[in-house]
Amino acid sequence: MFQDMSKRTTITLPDAIFDDLEEWADGEGRPTANLAAFLVEIAVKEKFREKYISKKEKKE
């Protein structure tokens, strides 16, 4: 849907949050940064839901 160019950013997390994120990512067999990017994407799409609703969902 919105597959524009990817951009990079850096975030700073408290140690405990990073450790839990890392454990979560390891449990899913994926890189920590990949899981973090996924979670940020989900949060942004939730915040700006109207912008990301598919055409099919808008008709319903």
C-alpha atoms as a PDB file:
ATOM      1  CA  MET A   1       0.000   0.000   0.000  1.00  0.00           C
ATOM      2  CA  PHE A   2       2.452   2.672   1.188  1.00  0.00           C
ATOM      3  CA  GLN A   3       5.747   1.168   0.059  1.00  0.00           C
ATOM      4  CA  ASP A   4       7.827   4.298  -0.314  1.00  0.00           C
ATOM      5  CA  MET A   5      11.567   4.401   0.141  1.00  0.00           C
ATOM      6  CA  SER A   6      12.787   3.226   3.497  1.00  0.00           C
ATOM      7  CA  LYS A   7      14.456   5.629   5.884  1.00  0.00           C
ATOM      8  CA  ARG A   8      16.701   5.052   8.863  1.00  0.00           C
ATOM      9  CA  THR A   9      16.475   6.507  12.331  1.00  0.00           C
ATOM     10  CA  THR A  10      18.111   5.879  15.664  1.00  0.00           C
ATOM     11  CA  ILE A  11      16.248   5.450  18.928  1.00  0.00           C
ATOM     12  CA  THR A  12      17.421   5.182  22.506  1.00  0.00           C
ATOM     13  CA  LEU A  13      15.660   2.701  24.778  1.00  0.00           C
ATOM     14  CA  PRO A  14      16.004   1.990  28.469  1.00  0.00           C
ATOM     15  CA  ASP A  15      18.146  -1.102  29.050  1.00  0.00           C
ATOM     16  CA  ALA A  16      15.244  -3.203  30.351  1.00  0.00           C
ATOM     17  CA  ILE A  17      13.063  -2.376  27.339  1.00  0.00           C
ATOM     18  CA  PHE A  18      15.868  -3.177  24.916  1.00  0.00           C
ATOM     19  CA  ASP A  19      16.577  -6.448  26.698  1.00  0.00           C
ATOM     20  CA  ASP A  20      12.922  -7.478  26.451  1.00  0.00           C
ATOM     21  CA  LEU A  21      12.745  -6.397  22.808  1.00  0.00           C
ATOM     22  CA  GLU A  22      15.869  -8.429  22.082  1.00  0.00           C
ATOM     23  CA  GLU A  23      14.430 -11.477  23.862  1.00  0.00           C
ATOM     24  CA  TRP A  24      11.178 -11.108  21.912  1.00  0.00           C
ATOM     25  CA  ALA A  25      13.030 -10.803  18.599  1.00  0.00           C
ATOM     26  CA  ASP A  26      15.264 -13.774  19.397  1.00  0.00           C
ATOM     27  CA  GLY A  27      12.176 -15.827  20.221  1.00  0.00           C
ATOM     28  CA  GLU A  28      10.808 -15.050  16.771  1.00  0.00           C
ATOM     29  CA  GLY A  29      14.137 -15.636  15.042  1.00  0.00           C
ATOM     30  CA  ARG A  30      14.400 -12.117  13.693  1.00  0.00           C
ATOM     31  CA  PRO A  31      16.760  -9.184  14.204  1.00  0.00           C
ATOM     32  CA  THR A  32      15.939  -6.786  17.023  1.00  0.00           C
ATOM     33  CA  ALA A  33      15.891  -3.804  14.641  1.00  0.00           C
ATOM     34  CA  ASN A  34      13.437  -5.613  12.366  1.00  0.00           C
ATOM     35  CA  LEU A  35      11.014  -6.219  15.237  1.00  0.00           C
ATOM     36  CA  ALA A  36      11.401  -2.625  16.443  1.00  0.00           C
ATOM     37  CA  ALA A  37      10.642  -1.307  12.940  1.00  0.00           C
ATOM     38  CA  PHE A  38       7.573  -3.548  12.717  1.00  0.00           C
ATOM     39  CA  LEU A  39       6.259  -2.367  16.090  1.00  0.00           C
ATOM     40  CA  VAL A  40       6.789   1.301  15.201  1.00  0.00           C
ATOM     41  CA  GLU A  41       5.010   0.766  11.872  1.00  0.00           C
ATOM     42  CA  ILE A  42       2.021  -0.828  13.624  1.00  0.00           C
ATOM     43  CA  ALA A  43       1.831   2.022  16.146  1.00  0.00           C
ATOM     44  CA  VAL A  44       1.994   4.727  13.464  1.00  0.00           C
ATOM     45  CA  LYS A  45      -0.654   3.000  11.340  1.00  0.00           C
ATOM     46  CA  GLU A  46      -2.898   2.786  14.409  1.00  0.00           C
ATOM     47  CA  LYS A  47      -2.378   6.477  15.210  1.00  0.00           C
ATOM     48  CA  PHE A  48      -3.123   7.554  11.621  1.00  0.00           C
ATOM     49  CA  ARG A  49      -5.650   4.799  10.893  1.00  0.00           C
ATOM     50  CA  GLU A  50      -7.687   6.762   8.319  1.00  0.00           C
ATOM     51  CA  LYS A  51      -4.619   7.251   6.150  1.00  0.00           C
ATOM     52  CA  TYR A  52      -3.882   3.518   6.020  1.00  0.00           C
ATOM     53  CA  ILE A  53      -7.377   2.040   5.637  1.00  0.00           C
ATOM     54  CA  SER A  54      -7.631  -0.002   2.462  1.00  0.00           C
ATOM     55  CA  LYS A  55     -10.148   0.916  -0.247  1.00  0.00           C
ATOM     56  CA  LYS A  56     -12.092  -2.274   0.550  1.00  0.00           C
ATOM     57  CA  GLU A  57     -12.406  -1.323   4.237  1.00  0.00           C
ATOM     58  CA  LYS A  58     -13.557   2.208   3.326  1.00  0.00           C
ATOM     59  CA  LYS A  59     -16.484   0.769   1.335  1.00  0.00           C
ATOM     60  CA  GLU A  60     -17.744  -1.275   4.296  1.00  0.00           C
END
